[in-house]
Amino acid sequence: MDGAALARIEEGVHAEAGEGWEKDPAILRGRNATRAEHGLPPVGEKPRPPTNPAPGKRPLWRRLLGG
């Protein structure tokens, strides 16, 4: 996403949740759920080192294409 799209999202959340939205527990849960879907660490945590799955646990497309 570009900066303008993120700014619009932030403005919308701020308008609905008010001041302190960045630390609101419900909003943090939603943000962290979205980050987890994309393989990112929770808000405020350091990035985790990538884990290498066992050969049989790699995604099917990687096993088939040799990635």
C-alpha atoms as a PDB file:
ATOM      1  CA  MET A   1       0.000   0.000   0.000  1.00  0.00           C
ATOM      2  CA  ASP A   2       1.159   3.483  -0.647  1.00  0.00           C
ATOM      3  CA  GLY A   3       1.391   6.161   2.024  1.00  0.00           C
ATOM      4  CA  ALA A   4      -1.784   7.943   0.920  1.00  0.00           C
ATOM      5  CA  ALA A   5      -3.904   4.801   1.308  1.00  0.00           C
ATOM      6  CA  LEU A   6      -2.462   4.114   4.751  1.00  0.00           C
ATOM      7  CA  ALA A   7      -3.095   7.724   5.786  1.00  0.00           C
ATOM      8  CA  ARG A   8      -6.777   7.415   4.747  1.00  0.00           C
ATOM      9  CA  ILE A   9      -7.130   4.219   6.774  1.00  0.00           C
ATOM     10  CA  GLU A  10      -5.504   5.860   9.791  1.00  0.00           C
ATOM     11  CA  GLU A  11      -7.800   8.893   9.500  1.00  0.00           C
ATOM     12  CA  GLY A  12     -10.854   6.636   9.346  1.00  0.00           C
ATOM     13  CA  VAL A  13      -9.823   4.643  12.414  1.00  0.00           C
ATOM     14  CA  HIS A  14      -9.040   7.841  14.309  1.00  0.00           C
ATOM     15  CA  ALA A  15     -12.443   9.296  13.384  1.00  0.00           C
ATOM     16  CA  GLU A  16     -14.279   6.182  14.628  1.00  0.00           C
ATOM     17  CA  ALA A  17     -12.182   5.257  17.671  1.00  0.00           C
ATOM     18  CA  GLY A  18     -11.043   8.708  18.805  1.00  0.00           C
ATOM     19  CA  GLU A  19      -7.883   9.661  20.638  1.00  0.00           C
ATOM     20  CA  GLY A  20      -5.720   6.829  21.861  1.00  0.00           C
ATOM     21  CA  TRP A  21      -6.811   4.518  19.059  1.00  0.00           C
ATOM     22  CA  GLU A  22      -3.230   3.293  18.620  1.00  0.00           C
ATOM     23  CA  LYS A  23      -3.276   1.692  22.083  1.00  0.00           C
ATOM     24  CA  ASP A  24      -6.916   0.503  22.095  1.00  0.00           C
ATOM     25  CA  PRO A  25      -6.868  -3.259  22.895  1.00  0.00           C
ATOM     26  CA  ALA A  26      -9.538  -4.134  20.318  1.00  0.00           C
ATOM     27  CA  ILE A  27      -7.740  -2.265  17.549  1.00  0.00           C
ATOM     28  CA  LEU A  28      -4.381  -3.794  18.503  1.00  0.00           C
ATOM     29  CA  ARG A  29      -5.905  -7.292  18.325  1.00  0.00           C
ATOM     30  CA  GLY A  30      -7.198  -6.563  14.832  1.00  0.00           C
ATOM     31  CA  ARG A  31      -3.920  -5.041  13.677  1.00  0.00           C
ATOM     32  CA  ASN A  32      -1.939  -7.961  15.069  1.00  0.00           C
ATOM     33  CA  ALA A  33      -4.292 -10.486  13.463  1.00  0.00           C
ATOM     34  CA  THR A  34      -3.760  -8.824  10.097  1.00  0.00           C
ATOM     35  CA  ARG A  35       0.004  -8.707  10.641  1.00  0.00           C
ATOM     36  CA  ALA A  36       0.024 -12.424  11.559  1.00  0.00           C
ATOM     37  CA  GLU A  37      -1.787 -13.250   8.299  1.00  0.00           C
ATOM     38  CA  HIS A  38       1.069 -11.585   6.448  1.00  0.00           C
ATOM     39  CA  GLY A  39       3.836 -13.195   8.493  1.00  0.00           C
ATOM     40  CA  LEU A  40       4.715 -10.006  10.376  1.00  0.00           C
ATOM     41  CA  PRO A  41       5.417  -9.745  14.106  1.00  0.00           C
ATOM     42  CA  PRO A  42       2.852  -8.126  16.419  1.00  0.00           C
ATOM     43  CA  VAL A  43       2.893  -4.345  16.768  1.00  0.00           C
ATOM     44  CA  GLY A  44       5.805  -3.242  18.958  1.00  0.00           C
ATOM     45  CA  GLU A  45       7.827  -6.455  18.692  1.00  0.00           C
ATOM     46  CA  LYS A  46      11.099  -6.958  16.867  1.00  0.00           C
ATOM     47  CA  PRO A  47      10.978  -8.937  13.620  1.00  0.00           C
ATOM     48  CA  ARG A  48      11.431 -12.637  14.144  1.00  0.00           C
ATOM     49  CA  PRO A  49      14.098 -14.489  12.186  1.00  0.00           C
ATOM     50  CA  PRO A  50      12.630 -16.612   9.395  1.00  0.00           C
ATOM     51  CA  THR A  51      12.141 -20.247  10.205  1.00  0.00           C
ATOM     52  CA  ASN A  52      13.050 -22.966   7.735  1.00  0.00           C
ATOM     53  CA  PRO A  53      10.351 -25.622   7.623  1.00  0.00           C
ATOM     54  CA  ALA A  54      11.215 -29.292   7.272  1.00  0.00           C
ATOM     55  CA  PRO A  55      11.482 -30.354   3.592  1.00  0.00           C
ATOM     56  CA  GLY A  56       8.093 -32.109   3.650  1.00  0.00           C
ATOM     57  CA  LYS A  57       6.439 -29.069   5.260  1.00  0.00           C
ATOM     58  CA  ARG A  58       7.255 -26.560   2.529  1.00  0.00           C
ATOM     59  CA  PRO A  59       4.335 -25.222   0.487  1.00  0.00           C
ATOM     60  CA  LEU A  60       3.267 -27.492  -2.346  1.00  0.00           C
ATOM     61  CA  TRP A  61       4.228 -24.999  -5.042  1.00  0.00           C
ATOM     62  CA  ARG A  62       7.772 -24.799  -3.604  1.00  0.00           C
ATOM     63  CA  ARG A  63       8.079 -28.586  -3.495  1.00  0.00           C
ATOM     64  CA  LEU A  64       6.896 -28.896  -7.096  1.00  0.00           C
ATOM     65  CA  LEU A  65       8.956 -26.004  -8.479  1.00  0.00           C
ATOM     66  CA  GLY A  66      12.006 -26.602  -6.307  1.00  0.00           C
ATOM     67  CA  GLY A  67      11.938 -23.298  -4.420  1.00  0.00           C
END
